[in-house]
Amino acid sequence: MPRRKSTTDDPTAAPSFEEALTGLEAIVEAMEHEQLPLEELVSYYENGTALLDRCEAMLQSARERIELITLRNHSESAPEATASSTPGFSIPSGPPDAHDDDDIRLF
């Protein structure tokens, strides 16, 4: 698989997840262990917040993509894996009480 272009090639491009996370870790490290002037701390905090927002947005996007892939794969395999394709047999969906009329009763 080809590698993506690094954002260092294009300074206006948004950082990748890994670059944003590395930057965020560096900011946290500096804020925790260095004696920084207040203005610099506020600037670090502002940059850290932007990087955190970027990471969270990318994670949410990845979650949504994974859910779509999972749903698509499930829907593609569902007709083969369900018993509903067998004539006269169906599996009720929803809570058990909602399908009392679908129950098979022997007596």
N, C-alpha and C. Protein backbone atom coordinates (compact mmCIF):
# COMPACT_ATOMS: atom_id res chain seq x y z
N MET A 1 0.85 -1.17 0.00
CA MET A 1 0.00 0.00 0.00
C MET A 1 0.89 1.23 0.00
N PRO A 2 0.65 2.18 -0.90
CA PRO A 2 1.48 3.38 -0.95
C PRO A 2 1.27 4.25 0.27
N ARG A 3 2.33 4.89 0.68
CA ARG A 3 2.25 5.79 1.83
C ARG A 3 1.66 7.12 1.41
N ARG A 4 0.96 7.74 2.33
CA ARG A 4 0.40 9.06 2.07
C ARG A 4 1.50 10.10 2.13
N LYS A 5 1.27 11.21 1.43
CA LYS A 5 2.22 12.30 1.48
C LYS A 5 2.24 12.88 2.89
N SER A 6 3.38 13.18 3.36
CA SER A 6 3.52 13.79 4.68
C SER A 6 3.03 15.23 4.61
N THR A 7 2.48 15.70 5.71
CA THR A 7 2.01 17.08 5.72
C THR A 7 3.18 18.06 5.76
N THR A 8 4.40 17.55 5.97
CA THR A 8 5.55 18.44 5.93
C THR A 8 5.81 18.90 4.50
N ASP A 9 5.31 18.16 3.50
CA ASP A 9 5.42 18.58 2.11
C ASP A 9 4.52 19.78 1.82
N ASP A 10 3.39 19.85 2.50
CA ASP A 10 2.42 20.92 2.32
C ASP A 10 2.08 21.51 3.68
N PRO A 11 2.67 22.65 4.02
CA PRO A 11 2.46 23.21 5.36
C PRO A 11 1.01 23.63 5.64
N THR A 12 0.17 23.77 4.62
CA THR A 12 -1.22 24.16 4.84
C THR A 12 -2.12 22.95 5.08
N ALA A 13 -1.61 21.74 4.84
CA ALA A 13 -2.42 20.53 5.01
C ALA A 13 -2.58 20.21 6.49
N ALA A 14 -3.73 19.64 6.82
CA ALA A 14 -3.98 19.23 8.19
C ALA A 14 -3.10 18.02 8.51
N PRO A 15 -2.65 17.92 9.76
CA PRO A 15 -1.77 16.80 10.11
C PRO A 15 -2.53 15.47 10.11
N SER A 16 -1.79 14.40 9.87
CA SER A 16 -2.38 13.08 9.98
C SER A 16 -2.67 12.80 11.45
N PHE A 17 -3.39 11.72 11.72
CA PHE A 17 -3.70 11.37 13.11
C PHE A 17 -2.42 11.18 13.90
N GLU A 18 -1.47 10.45 13.33
CA GLU A 18 -0.23 10.16 14.04
C GLU A 18 0.57 11.42 14.31
N GLU A 19 0.61 12.33 13.32
CA GLU A 19 1.33 13.59 13.51
C GLU A 19 0.66 14.46 14.57
N ALA A 20 -0.67 14.50 14.55
CA ALA A 20 -1.40 15.29 15.54
C ALA A 20 -1.19 14.71 16.94
N LEU A 21 -1.22 13.39 17.05
CA LEU A 21 -1.03 12.75 18.35
C LEU A 21 0.39 12.99 18.87
N THR A 22 1.37 12.88 18.01
CA THR A 22 2.76 13.14 18.41
C THR A 22 2.92 14.59 18.86
N GLY A 23 2.32 15.51 18.13
CA GLY A 23 2.37 16.93 18.52
C GLY A 23 1.69 17.18 19.85
N LEU A 24 0.55 16.53 20.06
CA LEU A 24 -0.17 16.67 21.31
C LEU A 24 0.65 16.13 22.48
N GLU A 25 1.28 14.98 22.28
CA GLU A 25 2.12 14.41 23.33
C GLU A 25 3.29 15.34 23.67
N ALA A 26 3.89 15.96 22.66
CA ALA A 26 5.00 16.89 22.88
C ALA A 26 4.54 18.11 23.66
N ILE A 27 3.35 18.60 23.34
CA ILE A 27 2.81 19.76 24.05
C ILE A 27 2.55 19.43 25.51
N VAL A 28 1.94 18.29 25.78
CA VAL A 28 1.67 17.88 27.16
C VAL A 28 2.97 17.73 27.93
N GLU A 29 3.95 17.09 27.32
CA GLU A 29 5.26 16.91 27.96
C GLU A 29 5.88 18.26 28.32
N ALA A 30 5.87 19.20 27.38
CA ALA A 30 6.45 20.52 27.61
C ALA A 30 5.70 21.27 28.72
N MET A 31 4.38 21.18 28.69
CA MET A 31 3.59 21.90 29.70
C MET A 31 3.79 21.31 31.09
N GLU A 32 4.01 20.01 31.17
CA GLU A 32 4.18 19.36 32.47
C GLU A 32 5.58 19.54 33.05
N HIS A 33 6.60 19.60 32.20
CA HIS A 33 7.96 19.53 32.71
C HIS A 33 8.81 20.78 32.49
N GLU A 34 8.35 21.73 31.76
CA GLU A 34 9.15 22.92 31.51
C GLU A 34 8.54 24.11 32.25
N GLN A 35 9.40 25.03 32.62
CA GLN A 35 8.96 26.29 33.21
C GLN A 35 8.72 27.26 32.06
N LEU A 36 7.47 27.41 31.69
CA LEU A 36 7.12 28.25 30.55
C LEU A 36 6.39 29.50 31.01
N PRO A 37 6.60 30.60 30.31
CA PRO A 37 5.84 31.81 30.63
C PRO A 37 4.35 31.59 30.35
N LEU A 38 3.52 32.34 31.03
CA LEU A 38 2.07 32.18 30.91
C LEU A 38 1.60 32.27 29.47
N GLU A 39 2.07 33.24 28.74
CA GLU A 39 1.63 33.41 27.35
C GLU A 39 1.97 32.18 26.51
N GLU A 40 3.13 31.60 26.74
CA GLU A 40 3.51 30.41 26.00
C GLU A 40 2.66 29.21 26.42
N LEU A 41 2.33 29.11 27.70
CA LEU A 41 1.45 28.04 28.17
C LEU A 41 0.08 28.14 27.50
N VAL A 42 -0.44 29.35 27.42
CA VAL A 42 -1.75 29.55 26.79
C VAL A 42 -1.67 29.18 25.31
N SER A 43 -0.59 29.54 24.65
CA SER A 43 -0.41 29.19 23.25
C SER A 43 -0.32 27.67 23.08
N TYR A 44 0.43 27.00 23.95
CA TYR A 44 0.52 25.55 23.91
C TYR A 44 -0.86 24.93 24.12
N TYR A 45 -1.59 25.45 25.07
CA TYR A 45 -2.93 24.93 25.36
C TYR A 45 -3.84 25.08 24.14
N GLU A 46 -3.77 26.23 23.51
CA GLU A 46 -4.58 26.48 22.31
C GLU A 46 -4.22 25.50 21.19
N ASN A 47 -2.94 25.32 20.95
CA ASN A 47 -2.50 24.38 19.92
C ASN A 47 -2.87 22.95 20.29
N GLY A 48 -2.73 22.60 21.56
CA GLY A 48 -3.08 21.26 22.02
C GLY A 48 -4.56 20.98 21.84
N THR A 49 -5.39 21.96 22.12
CA THR A 49 -6.83 21.80 21.96
C THR A 49 -7.18 21.56 20.49
N ALA A 50 -6.54 22.30 19.60
CA ALA A 50 -6.78 22.11 18.16
C ALA A 50 -6.35 20.72 17.71
N LEU A 51 -5.20 20.26 18.21
CA LEU A 51 -4.73 18.92 17.84
C LEU A 51 -5.64 17.85 18.42
N LEU A 52 -6.11 18.04 19.65
CA LEU A 52 -7.04 17.09 20.26
C LEU A 52 -8.34 17.01 19.47
N ASP A 53 -8.87 18.16 19.07
CA ASP A 53 -10.08 18.18 18.24
C ASP A 53 -9.86 17.43 16.93
N ARG A 54 -8.69 17.62 16.33
CA ARG A 54 -8.35 16.93 15.07
C ARG A 54 -8.33 15.42 15.29
N CYS A 55 -7.66 14.98 16.37
CA CYS A 55 -7.59 13.55 16.66
C CYS A 55 -8.98 12.96 16.91
N GLU A 56 -9.79 13.65 17.69
CA GLU A 56 -11.14 13.15 17.99
C GLU A 56 -11.99 13.07 16.73
N ALA A 57 -11.88 14.06 15.85
CA ALA A 57 -12.65 14.04 14.60
C ALA A 57 -12.21 12.88 13.72
N MET A 58 -10.91 12.64 13.66
CA MET A 58 -10.41 11.54 12.83
C MET A 58 -10.82 10.19 13.41
N LEU A 59 -10.82 10.06 14.73
CA LEU A 59 -11.27 8.82 15.36
C LEU A 59 -12.75 8.58 15.10
N GLN A 60 -13.57 9.63 15.21
CA GLN A 60 -15.00 9.50 14.96
C GLN A 60 -15.25 9.10 13.51
N SER A 61 -14.51 9.70 12.60
CA SER A 61 -14.64 9.34 11.19
C SER A 61 -14.26 7.87 10.96
N ALA A 62 -13.20 7.42 11.61
CA ALA A 62 -12.78 6.03 11.47
C ALA A 62 -13.84 5.09 12.05
N ARG A 63 -14.42 5.45 13.20
CA ARG A 63 -15.49 4.63 13.79
C ARG A 63 -16.67 4.50 12.83
N GLU A 64 -17.08 5.62 12.24
CA GLU A 64 -18.21 5.61 11.32
C GLU A 64 -17.91 4.76 10.09
N ARG A 65 -16.70 4.86 9.57
CA ARG A 65 -16.32 4.05 8.41
C ARG A 65 -16.35 2.56 8.76
N ILE A 66 -15.85 2.21 9.94
CA ILE A 66 -15.84 0.81 10.37
C ILE A 66 -17.26 0.31 10.54
N GLU A 67 -18.15 1.13 11.12
CA GLU A 67 -19.55 0.73 11.27
C GLU A 67 -20.20 0.50 9.91
N LEU A 68 -19.93 1.38 8.95
CA LEU A 68 -20.50 1.21 7.60
C LEU A 68 -19.98 -0.07 6.95
N ILE A 69 -18.69 -0.33 7.09
CA ILE A 69 -18.12 -1.54 6.51
C ILE A 69 -18.75 -2.77 7.15
N THR A 70 -18.89 -2.73 8.48
CA THR A 70 -19.48 -3.86 9.20
C THR A 70 -20.93 -4.07 8.78
N LEU A 71 -21.71 -3.01 8.69
CA LEU A 71 -23.10 -3.12 8.27
C LEU A 71 -23.20 -3.64 6.85
N ARG A 72 -22.35 -3.14 5.97
CA ARG A 72 -22.37 -3.58 4.57
C ARG A 72 -22.02 -5.06 4.49
N ASN A 73 -20.98 -5.47 5.20
CA ASN A 73 -20.59 -6.89 5.19
C ASN A 73 -21.68 -7.76 5.79
N HIS A 74 -22.33 -7.27 6.84
CA HIS A 74 -23.40 -8.03 7.49
C HIS A 74 -24.60 -8.16 6.54
N SER A 75 -24.96 -7.07 5.86
CA SER A 75 -26.11 -7.12 4.97
C SER A 75 -25.83 -7.97 3.74
N GLU A 76 -24.58 -8.01 3.30
CA GLU A 76 -24.23 -8.84 2.15
C GLU A 76 -24.26 -10.32 2.50
N SER A 77 -23.92 -10.66 3.73
CA SER A 77 -23.89 -12.06 4.12
C SER A 77 -25.19 -12.51 4.78
N ALA A 78 -26.07 -11.60 5.13
CA ALA A 78 -27.30 -11.93 5.84
C ALA A 78 -28.21 -12.87 5.07
N PRO A 79 -28.47 -12.69 3.78
CA PRO A 79 -29.37 -13.62 3.09
C PRO A 79 -28.87 -15.06 3.11
N GLU A 80 -27.58 -15.25 3.08
CA GLU A 80 -27.03 -16.60 3.07
C GLU A 80 -27.07 -17.23 4.45
N ALA A 81 -26.97 -16.40 5.50
CA ALA A 81 -26.81 -16.93 6.85
C ALA A 81 -28.12 -17.03 7.63
N THR A 82 -29.23 -16.52 7.10
CA THR A 82 -30.46 -16.54 7.87
C THR A 82 -31.32 -17.72 7.50
N ALA A 83 -32.13 -18.13 8.45
CA ALA A 83 -33.06 -19.23 8.21
C ALA A 83 -34.32 -18.73 7.53
N SER A 84 -34.46 -17.42 7.37
CA SER A 84 -35.68 -16.88 6.76
C SER A 84 -35.78 -17.27 5.29
N SER A 85 -34.69 -17.71 4.68
CA SER A 85 -34.77 -18.15 3.29
C SER A 85 -35.40 -19.54 3.18
N THR A 86 -35.53 -20.23 4.31
CA THR A 86 -36.19 -21.53 4.32
C THR A 86 -37.70 -21.31 4.29
N PRO A 87 -38.43 -21.93 3.36
CA PRO A 87 -39.88 -21.71 3.28
C PRO A 87 -40.57 -22.10 4.59
N GLY A 88 -41.47 -21.24 5.03
CA GLY A 88 -42.27 -21.53 6.22
C GLY A 88 -41.55 -21.26 7.53
N PHE A 89 -40.35 -20.69 7.50
CA PHE A 89 -39.61 -20.43 8.73
C PHE A 89 -39.14 -19.00 8.74
N SER A 90 -39.38 -18.30 9.83
CA SER A 90 -38.87 -16.94 9.96
C SER A 90 -38.42 -16.71 11.39
N ILE A 91 -37.44 -15.83 11.52
CA ILE A 91 -36.92 -15.47 12.84
C ILE A 91 -37.48 -14.11 13.19
N PRO A 92 -38.25 -13.99 14.29
CA PRO A 92 -38.79 -12.69 14.66
C PRO A 92 -37.69 -11.78 15.16
N SER A 93 -37.86 -10.49 14.92
CA SER A 93 -36.89 -9.52 15.42
C SER A 93 -37.56 -8.71 16.52
N GLY A 94 -36.75 -8.08 17.34
CA GLY A 94 -37.26 -7.25 18.42
C GLY A 94 -37.39 -8.03 19.71
N PRO A 95 -38.00 -7.43 20.72
CA PRO A 95 -38.13 -8.09 22.02
C PRO A 95 -39.03 -9.32 21.92
N PRO A 96 -38.78 -10.33 22.75
CA PRO A 96 -39.55 -11.56 22.66
C PRO A 96 -41.05 -11.35 22.86
N ASP A 97 -41.46 -10.44 23.72
CA ASP A 97 -42.88 -10.22 24.00
C ASP A 97 -43.61 -9.61 22.81
N ALA A 98 -42.89 -8.96 21.93
CA ALA A 98 -43.52 -8.27 20.81
C ALA A 98 -44.04 -9.24 19.75
N HIS A 99 -43.60 -10.50 19.79
CA HIS A 99 -43.96 -11.46 18.76
C HIS A 99 -44.64 -12.68 19.36
N ASP A 100 -45.50 -12.49 20.33
CA ASP A 100 -46.19 -13.62 20.94
C ASP A 100 -47.04 -14.37 19.92
N ASP A 101 -47.60 -13.65 18.93
CA ASP A 101 -48.43 -14.28 17.92
C ASP A 101 -47.60 -15.17 16.99
N ASP A 102 -46.29 -14.95 16.95
CA ASP A 102 -45.43 -15.72 16.08
C ASP A 102 -44.96 -17.02 16.75
N ASP A 103 -45.22 -17.17 18.03
CA ASP A 103 -44.77 -18.37 18.74
C ASP A 103 -45.48 -19.61 18.21
N ILE A 104 -44.76 -20.69 18.21
CA ILE A 104 -45.34 -21.98 17.85
C ILE A 104 -45.86 -22.60 19.13
N ARG A 105 -47.12 -22.91 19.12
CA ARG A 105 -47.74 -23.48 20.32
C ARG A 105 -48.16 -24.93 20.03
N LEU A 106 -47.83 -25.80 20.95
CA LEU A 106 -48.16 -27.21 20.77
C LEU A 106 -49.48 -27.55 21.38
N PHE A 107 -49.92 -26.81 22.36
CA PHE A 107 -51.19 -27.12 23.04
C PHE A 107 -52.08 -25.93 23.11
